[in-house]
Amino acid sequence: MAWKIDNEKCLRCGACVSVCPELALELKETGIVHDAKKCTLCGICEKVCPVRAIEVKK
């Protein structure tokens, strides 16, 4: 199981942060910060990312 973000691709639009049901994502100036302890790997963030910067593998 893995969660990965390409912060170079990330637009910092916050779409992933706004849909995360576990509040496991935070938008910072440098990109998205992921809290693995909160994340359930549901994949919602991956689906809403307009540039496919997020990858969730179960």
Protein backbone atom coordinates (compact mmCIF):
# COMPACT_ATOMS: atom_id res chain seq x y z
CA MET A 1 0.00 0.00 0.00
CA ALA A 2 1.34 3.40 -0.93
CA TRP A 3 0.38 7.00 -1.43
CA LYS A 4 2.52 9.21 -3.62
CA ILE A 5 2.32 12.78 -4.87
CA ASP A 6 4.36 14.50 -7.54
CA ASN A 7 4.70 17.99 -6.06
CA GLU A 8 6.24 19.24 -9.31
CA LYS A 9 2.97 18.42 -11.13
CA CYS A 10 0.76 19.62 -8.27
CA LEU A 11 -1.11 22.86 -9.02
CA ARG A 12 -1.81 23.48 -5.31
CA CYS A 13 -5.50 23.84 -6.18
CA GLY A 14 -6.58 22.13 -2.95
CA ALA A 15 -9.12 19.83 -4.63
CA CYS A 16 -7.68 16.77 -2.90
CA VAL A 17 -7.61 18.48 0.48
CA SER A 18 -11.25 19.50 0.23
CA VAL A 19 -12.51 15.96 -0.49
CA CYS A 20 -10.39 13.93 1.94
CA PRO A 21 -12.85 12.33 4.40
CA GLU A 22 -10.07 11.61 6.91
CA LEU A 23 -8.49 15.10 6.80
CA ALA A 24 -5.19 13.42 5.95
CA LEU A 25 -4.05 16.09 3.51
CA GLU A 26 -2.89 19.63 4.08
CA LEU A 27 -2.00 22.26 1.51
CA LYS A 28 1.33 23.97 2.15
CA GLU A 29 3.27 26.45 0.04
CA THR A 30 5.64 23.67 -0.99
CA GLY A 31 2.85 21.23 -1.90
CA ILE A 32 0.55 18.69 -0.33
CA VAL A 33 1.45 17.17 3.03
CA HIS A 34 0.08 13.67 3.62
CA ASP A 35 -0.58 12.19 7.08
CA ALA A 36 -0.20 8.43 6.59
CA LYS A 37 -1.62 7.73 10.07
CA LYS A 38 -4.98 9.26 9.09
CA CYS A 39 -5.11 8.06 5.48
CA THR A 40 -7.25 5.02 4.64
CA LEU A 41 -6.07 4.90 0.99
CA CYS A 42 -9.63 5.42 -0.27
CA GLY A 43 -8.35 7.06 -3.48
CA ILE A 44 -10.79 9.97 -3.59
CA CYS A 45 -7.91 12.47 -3.72
CA GLU A 46 -6.42 10.67 -6.72
CA LYS A 47 -9.75 10.84 -8.59
CA VAL A 48 -10.23 14.60 -8.15
CA CYS A 49 -6.68 15.70 -8.97
CA PRO A 50 -6.92 17.58 -12.30
CA VAL A 51 -3.28 16.85 -13.24
CA ARG A 52 -3.01 13.31 -11.86
CA ALA A 53 -0.30 14.27 -9.41
CA ILE A 54 -1.54 11.76 -6.81
CA GLU A 55 -1.17 8.01 -6.99
CA VAL A 56 -2.77 5.63 -4.49
CA LYS A 57 -1.86 1.94 -4.59
CA LYS A 58 -3.57 -0.64 -2.41
